[in-house]
N, C-alpha and C. Protein backbone atom coordinates (compact mmCIF):
# COMPACT_ATOMS: atom_id res chain seq x y z
N MET A 1 -223.59 -70.83 21.28
CA MET A 1 -223.63 -69.08 20.74
C MET A 1 -225.14 -68.73 21.42
N SER A 2 -224.98 -67.41 22.17
CA SER A 2 -226.11 -66.90 22.56
C SER A 2 -226.14 -65.54 22.27
N TRP A 3 -227.52 -65.21 22.22
CA TRP A 3 -227.97 -63.81 21.77
C TRP A 3 -228.01 -62.87 23.08
N ILE A 4 -227.42 -61.50 23.30
CA ILE A 4 -227.68 -61.04 24.15
C ILE A 4 -228.19 -59.53 23.72
N SER A 5 -229.13 -59.18 24.53
CA SER A 5 -229.67 -57.67 24.34
C SER A 5 -228.74 -56.84 24.82
N VAL A 6 -228.31 -55.78 24.05
CA VAL A 6 -227.26 -54.56 24.31
C VAL A 6 -227.97 -53.12 24.36
N CYS A 7 -229.18 -53.07 23.57
CA CYS A 7 -229.80 -51.65 23.57
C CYS A 7 -230.63 -51.59 22.62
N GLY A 8 -231.86 -50.84 22.85
CA GLY A 8 -232.89 -50.57 22.03
C GLY A 8 -232.48 -50.16 20.52
N ILE A 9 -233.50 -50.20 19.78
CA ILE A 9 -233.04 -49.72 18.76
C ILE A 9 -233.20 -47.96 18.31
N ASP A 10 -233.85 -47.18 19.53
CA ASP A 10 -233.78 -46.09 19.46
C ASP A 10 -232.68 -45.48 20.09
N ASP A 11 -231.61 -46.34 20.73
CA ASP A 11 -230.47 -46.04 21.18
C ASP A 11 -229.24 -45.59 20.20
N VAL A 12 -229.47 -46.15 18.95
CA VAL A 12 -228.29 -46.03 18.09
C VAL A 12 -229.10 -45.31 16.55
N SER A 13 -228.28 -44.40 16.29
CA SER A 13 -228.29 -43.36 15.16
C SER A 13 -227.40 -43.85 14.24
N GLU A 14 -227.79 -43.58 12.69
CA GLU A 14 -226.49 -43.22 11.63
C GLU A 14 -225.41 -42.18 12.34
N ASP A 15 -225.60 -41.26 12.89
CA ASP A 15 -224.61 -40.30 13.57
C ASP A 15 -224.24 -40.61 14.70
N GLU A 16 -224.90 -41.50 15.72
CA GLU A 16 -224.48 -41.68 16.92
C GLU A 16 -224.45 -43.20 17.19
N PRO A 17 -223.44 -43.90 16.96
CA PRO A 17 -223.51 -45.17 17.47
C PRO A 17 -223.70 -45.50 18.84
N LYS A 18 -223.55 -46.70 19.12
CA LYS A 18 -223.65 -47.01 20.86
C LYS A 18 -222.58 -48.16 21.25
N ALA A 19 -221.77 -47.69 22.22
CA ALA A 19 -220.51 -48.18 22.71
C ALA A 19 -221.48 -49.22 23.79
N VAL A 20 -221.04 -50.32 23.67
CA VAL A 20 -221.29 -51.56 24.86
C VAL A 20 -220.46 -52.32 25.03
N GLU A 21 -220.28 -53.01 26.44
CA GLU A 21 -219.27 -53.55 26.68
C GLU A 21 -219.97 -55.27 27.32
N ILE A 22 -219.72 -56.46 26.71
CA ILE A 22 -220.03 -57.55 27.13
C ILE A 22 -218.87 -58.48 27.35
N ASN A 23 -219.01 -59.38 28.44
CA ASN A 23 -217.96 -60.06 28.76
C ASN A 23 -216.59 -59.66 28.41
N ASP A 24 -216.07 -58.63 28.91
CA ASP A 24 -214.83 -57.46 28.62
C ASP A 24 -214.65 -57.29 27.49
N LYS A 25 -215.47 -57.40 26.26
CA LYS A 25 -215.32 -56.99 24.97
C LYS A 25 -216.05 -55.84 24.72
N LYS A 26 -215.40 -54.92 24.30
CA LYS A 26 -215.77 -53.43 23.92
C LYS A 26 -216.45 -53.63 22.43
N ILE A 27 -217.53 -53.40 22.07
CA ILE A 27 -218.18 -53.76 21.04
C ILE A 27 -219.25 -52.10 20.61
N GLY A 28 -218.94 -51.75 19.33
CA GLY A 28 -219.67 -50.57 18.72
C GLY A 28 -220.76 -51.15 17.86
N VAL A 29 -222.12 -50.47 18.15
CA VAL A 29 -223.37 -50.87 17.27
C VAL A 29 -223.73 -49.77 16.63
N PHE A 30 -223.60 -50.11 15.30
CA PHE A 30 -223.85 -49.10 14.24
C PHE A 30 -225.24 -49.27 13.60
N VAL A 31 -225.83 -48.28 12.88
CA VAL A 31 -226.91 -48.39 11.85
C VAL A 31 -226.37 -47.71 10.71
N ILE A 32 -226.75 -48.64 9.69
CA ILE A 32 -226.31 -48.06 8.29
C ILE A 32 -227.88 -48.37 7.57
N ASP A 33 -228.95 -47.63 6.88
CA ASP A 33 -229.71 -47.68 6.01
C ASP A 33 -230.52 -48.69 7.01
N GLU A 34 -231.07 -48.65 8.03
CA GLU A 34 -231.82 -49.15 9.00
C GLU A 34 -231.25 -50.81 9.60
N ASN A 35 -229.90 -51.03 8.95
CA ASN A 35 -229.39 -52.20 8.99
C ASN A 35 -228.59 -51.91 10.10
N TYR A 36 -228.32 -52.92 10.92
CA TYR A 36 -227.55 -52.88 12.19
C TYR A 36 -226.22 -53.55 12.47
N PHE A 37 -225.17 -53.31 12.63
CA PHE A 37 -223.89 -53.81 12.52
C PHE A 37 -223.30 -53.62 14.19
N ALA A 38 -222.47 -54.62 14.41
CA ALA A 38 -221.68 -54.89 15.65
C ALA A 38 -220.18 -55.27 15.31
N ILE A 39 -219.13 -54.40 15.64
CA ILE A 39 -217.81 -54.43 15.23
C ILE A 39 -217.03 -54.08 16.70
N GLU A 40 -215.90 -54.45 16.55
CA GLU A 40 -214.86 -54.39 17.80
C GLU A 40 -214.67 -52.91 17.62
N ASN A 41 -214.67 -52.32 19.09
CA ASN A 41 -215.11 -51.15 19.05
C ASN A 41 -213.97 -50.37 19.45
N VAL A 42 -212.75 -51.05 19.79
CA VAL A 42 -211.56 -50.47 19.67
C VAL A 42 -210.50 -50.71 18.77
N CYS A 43 -209.96 -49.47 18.11
CA CYS A 43 -208.90 -49.61 17.24
C CYS A 43 -207.44 -50.34 17.37
N PRO A 44 -207.41 -51.32 16.49
CA PRO A 44 -206.16 -52.11 16.74
C PRO A 44 -204.63 -51.39 17.00
N HIS A 45 -204.88 -50.31 16.37
CA HIS A 45 -203.27 -49.70 16.04
C HIS A 45 -203.08 -48.91 17.59
N ALA A 46 -204.09 -48.31 18.25
CA ALA A 46 -203.93 -47.84 19.34
C ALA A 46 -205.22 -47.77 20.19
N PHE A 47 -205.40 -47.65 21.39
CA PHE A 47 -206.62 -47.63 22.08
C PHE A 47 -207.44 -46.29 21.99
N ALA A 48 -208.59 -46.50 21.00
CA ALA A 48 -209.47 -45.34 20.83
C ALA A 48 -210.65 -46.30 20.45
N LEU A 49 -211.76 -45.46 20.88
CA LEU A 49 -213.18 -46.14 20.85
C LEU A 49 -213.69 -45.55 19.29
N LEU A 50 -213.97 -46.57 18.45
CA LEU A 50 -214.31 -46.33 17.07
C LEU A 50 -215.70 -45.51 17.19
N THR A 51 -216.60 -46.03 18.40
CA THR A 51 -217.61 -45.00 18.29
C THR A 51 -217.78 -43.47 18.47
N GLU A 52 -216.32 -43.19 18.84
CA GLU A 52 -216.25 -41.66 18.99
C GLU A 52 -215.51 -41.08 17.74
N GLY A 53 -215.46 -42.14 16.78
CA GLY A 53 -214.94 -41.78 15.48
C GLY A 53 -215.69 -40.88 14.40
N PHE A 54 -214.96 -40.92 13.25
CA PHE A 54 -216.10 -39.80 12.16
C PHE A 54 -216.52 -40.93 11.30
N ILE A 55 -217.82 -40.91 11.18
CA ILE A 55 -218.66 -41.77 10.26
C ILE A 55 -219.09 -41.25 9.00
N GLU A 56 -218.94 -41.94 7.87
CA GLU A 56 -218.92 -41.34 6.69
C GLU A 56 -219.39 -42.58 5.73
N ASP A 57 -220.69 -42.57 5.11
CA ASP A 57 -220.98 -43.75 4.20
C ASP A 57 -221.10 -44.88 5.11
N GLN A 58 -220.41 -45.77 4.53
CA GLN A 58 -220.44 -47.09 5.29
C GLN A 58 -219.20 -47.21 6.32
N THR A 59 -218.40 -46.20 6.55
CA THR A 59 -217.12 -46.50 7.33
C THR A 59 -217.09 -45.74 8.29
N VAL A 60 -216.39 -46.29 9.26
CA VAL A 60 -215.73 -45.14 10.65
C VAL A 60 -214.27 -44.99 10.59
N GLU A 61 -214.10 -43.70 10.80
CA GLU A 61 -212.37 -43.45 11.16
C GLU A 61 -211.98 -43.09 12.39
N CYS A 62 -211.08 -43.79 12.95
CA CYS A 62 -210.44 -43.99 14.10
C CYS A 62 -209.87 -42.38 14.43
N PRO A 63 -210.68 -42.05 15.68
CA PRO A 63 -210.42 -40.49 16.21
C PRO A 63 -209.34 -40.08 16.25
N LEU A 64 -208.18 -40.91 16.45
CA LEU A 64 -206.55 -40.89 16.93
C LEU A 64 -205.85 -40.51 15.65
N HIS A 65 -205.93 -41.78 14.87
CA HIS A 65 -204.97 -41.91 14.12
C HIS A 65 -205.42 -42.27 12.41
N GLU A 66 -206.89 -41.90 12.22
CA GLU A 66 -207.12 -41.66 10.93
C GLU A 66 -207.60 -43.36 10.05
N ALA A 67 -207.03 -44.34 11.13
CA ALA A 67 -207.56 -45.70 10.25
C ALA A 67 -208.95 -45.66 9.96
N ILE A 68 -209.17 -46.14 8.73
CA ILE A 68 -210.68 -46.14 8.58
C ILE A 68 -211.07 -47.77 8.30
N PHE A 69 -212.09 -48.01 8.72
CA PHE A 69 -212.72 -49.33 8.81
C PHE A 69 -214.25 -49.35 8.23
N ASP A 70 -214.31 -50.32 7.57
CA ASP A 70 -215.75 -50.87 6.88
C ASP A 70 -216.81 -51.28 8.02
N ILE A 71 -217.78 -50.58 8.24
CA ILE A 71 -218.74 -51.00 9.24
C ILE A 71 -219.25 -52.35 9.36
N GLN A 72 -219.69 -52.38 8.30
CA GLN A 72 -220.62 -53.61 7.64
C GLN A 72 -219.80 -55.11 7.91
N THR A 73 -218.35 -54.90 7.45
CA THR A 73 -217.67 -55.92 7.18
C THR A 73 -216.33 -55.83 8.14
N GLY A 74 -216.03 -54.76 8.93
CA GLY A 74 -214.91 -55.04 9.83
C GLY A 74 -213.58 -54.54 8.80
N GLN A 75 -213.28 -54.57 7.94
CA GLN A 75 -212.08 -54.81 6.88
C GLN A 75 -211.83 -53.15 7.19
N LEU A 76 -210.22 -53.04 7.21
CA LEU A 76 -209.51 -52.18 7.24
C LEU A 76 -209.68 -51.64 5.85
N LYS A 77 -209.63 -50.63 5.63
CA LYS A 77 -210.03 -49.84 4.28
C LYS A 77 -208.47 -49.09 4.16
N SER A 78 -207.85 -48.27 5.19
CA SER A 78 -206.54 -47.60 4.99
C SER A 78 -206.36 -46.98 6.58
N GLY A 79 -204.83 -46.63 6.35
CA GLY A 79 -204.35 -46.00 7.73
C GLY A 79 -203.69 -47.04 8.54
N PRO A 80 -203.61 -46.91 9.79
CA PRO A 80 -202.69 -47.67 10.76
C PRO A 80 -203.36 -48.55 11.41
N GLY A 81 -204.59 -49.37 10.83
CA GLY A 81 -205.15 -49.98 11.76
C GLY A 81 -204.67 -51.56 12.05
N CYS A 82 -203.67 -51.89 11.35
CA CYS A 82 -202.74 -53.24 11.34
C CYS A 82 -203.91 -54.31 11.00
N ARG A 83 -204.95 -54.50 11.09
CA ARG A 83 -205.88 -55.60 10.55
C ARG A 83 -207.27 -55.25 10.64
N ASP A 84 -208.08 -56.05 10.40
CA ASP A 84 -209.43 -55.88 10.40
C ASP A 84 -209.95 -56.07 11.69
N LEU A 85 -211.30 -55.60 11.65
CA LEU A 85 -212.04 -55.78 13.03
C LEU A 85 -212.62 -56.85 13.36
N CYS A 86 -212.82 -57.73 14.50
CA CYS A 86 -213.81 -58.54 14.79
C CYS A 86 -215.56 -58.03 14.58
N THR A 87 -216.02 -58.80 13.81
CA THR A 87 -217.75 -58.43 13.89
C THR A 87 -218.69 -59.50 14.29
N TYR A 88 -219.63 -59.26 14.64
CA TYR A 88 -220.66 -59.81 15.57
C TYR A 88 -221.78 -59.96 14.78
N PRO A 89 -222.71 -61.17 14.77
CA PRO A 89 -223.86 -61.34 14.19
C PRO A 89 -224.88 -60.47 15.06
N VAL A 90 -225.77 -59.74 14.26
CA VAL A 90 -226.95 -58.93 15.20
C VAL A 90 -228.10 -59.02 14.53
N ARG A 91 -229.06 -59.16 15.33
CA ARG A 91 -230.56 -59.18 15.09
C ARG A 91 -231.28 -58.33 15.98
N VAL A 92 -232.59 -58.21 15.62
CA VAL A 92 -233.28 -57.09 16.50
C VAL A 92 -234.94 -57.92 16.75
N GLU A 93 -235.03 -58.05 17.89
CA GLU A 93 -236.21 -58.83 18.66
C GLU A 93 -236.84 -57.94 19.37
N ASP A 94 -238.11 -57.57 19.30
CA ASP A 94 -238.91 -56.80 19.99
C ASP A 94 -238.33 -55.33 20.55
N GLN A 95 -237.57 -54.63 19.30
CA GLN A 95 -237.29 -53.29 19.36
C GLN A 95 -235.76 -53.36 20.28
N GLN A 96 -235.41 -54.61 20.37
CA GLN A 96 -234.19 -54.53 21.09
C GLN A 96 -232.87 -55.23 20.23
N ILE A 97 -231.91 -54.71 20.32
CA ILE A 97 -230.85 -55.07 19.46
C ILE A 97 -230.10 -56.18 20.29
N GLN A 98 -229.69 -57.34 19.34
CA GLN A 98 -228.92 -58.30 20.14
C GLN A 98 -228.00 -58.57 19.31
N ILE A 99 -226.60 -59.20 20.08
CA ILE A 99 -225.62 -59.59 19.39
C ILE A 99 -225.28 -61.01 19.91
N GLN A 100 -224.96 -61.85 18.80
CA GLN A 100 -224.30 -63.01 19.21
C GLN A 100 -223.00 -63.07 19.31
N LEU A 101 -222.63 -63.38 20.54
CA LEU A 101 -221.20 -63.87 20.83
C LEU A 101 -221.04 -65.27 20.81
């Protein structure tokens, strides 16, 4: 498994996550209390980018059908999300956010 740089730490804020695509995988990069998380960015219920959703505390709500997911674990908390999201290991090296696939 390799680490891939996806963006700088200044490209992500608690109010504005970053959408990236790596090897045809759509991934959302989020920050909570200065900790970075990478989760599957497409809601499994219907195609909607979670990085365009509503962020509150450590959850993101799908902008289309109100499925709510835990950003840290990918766990479906409520709504029609159908399943938990895939999560990816994250690290910061030289001000760059890296994801392991």
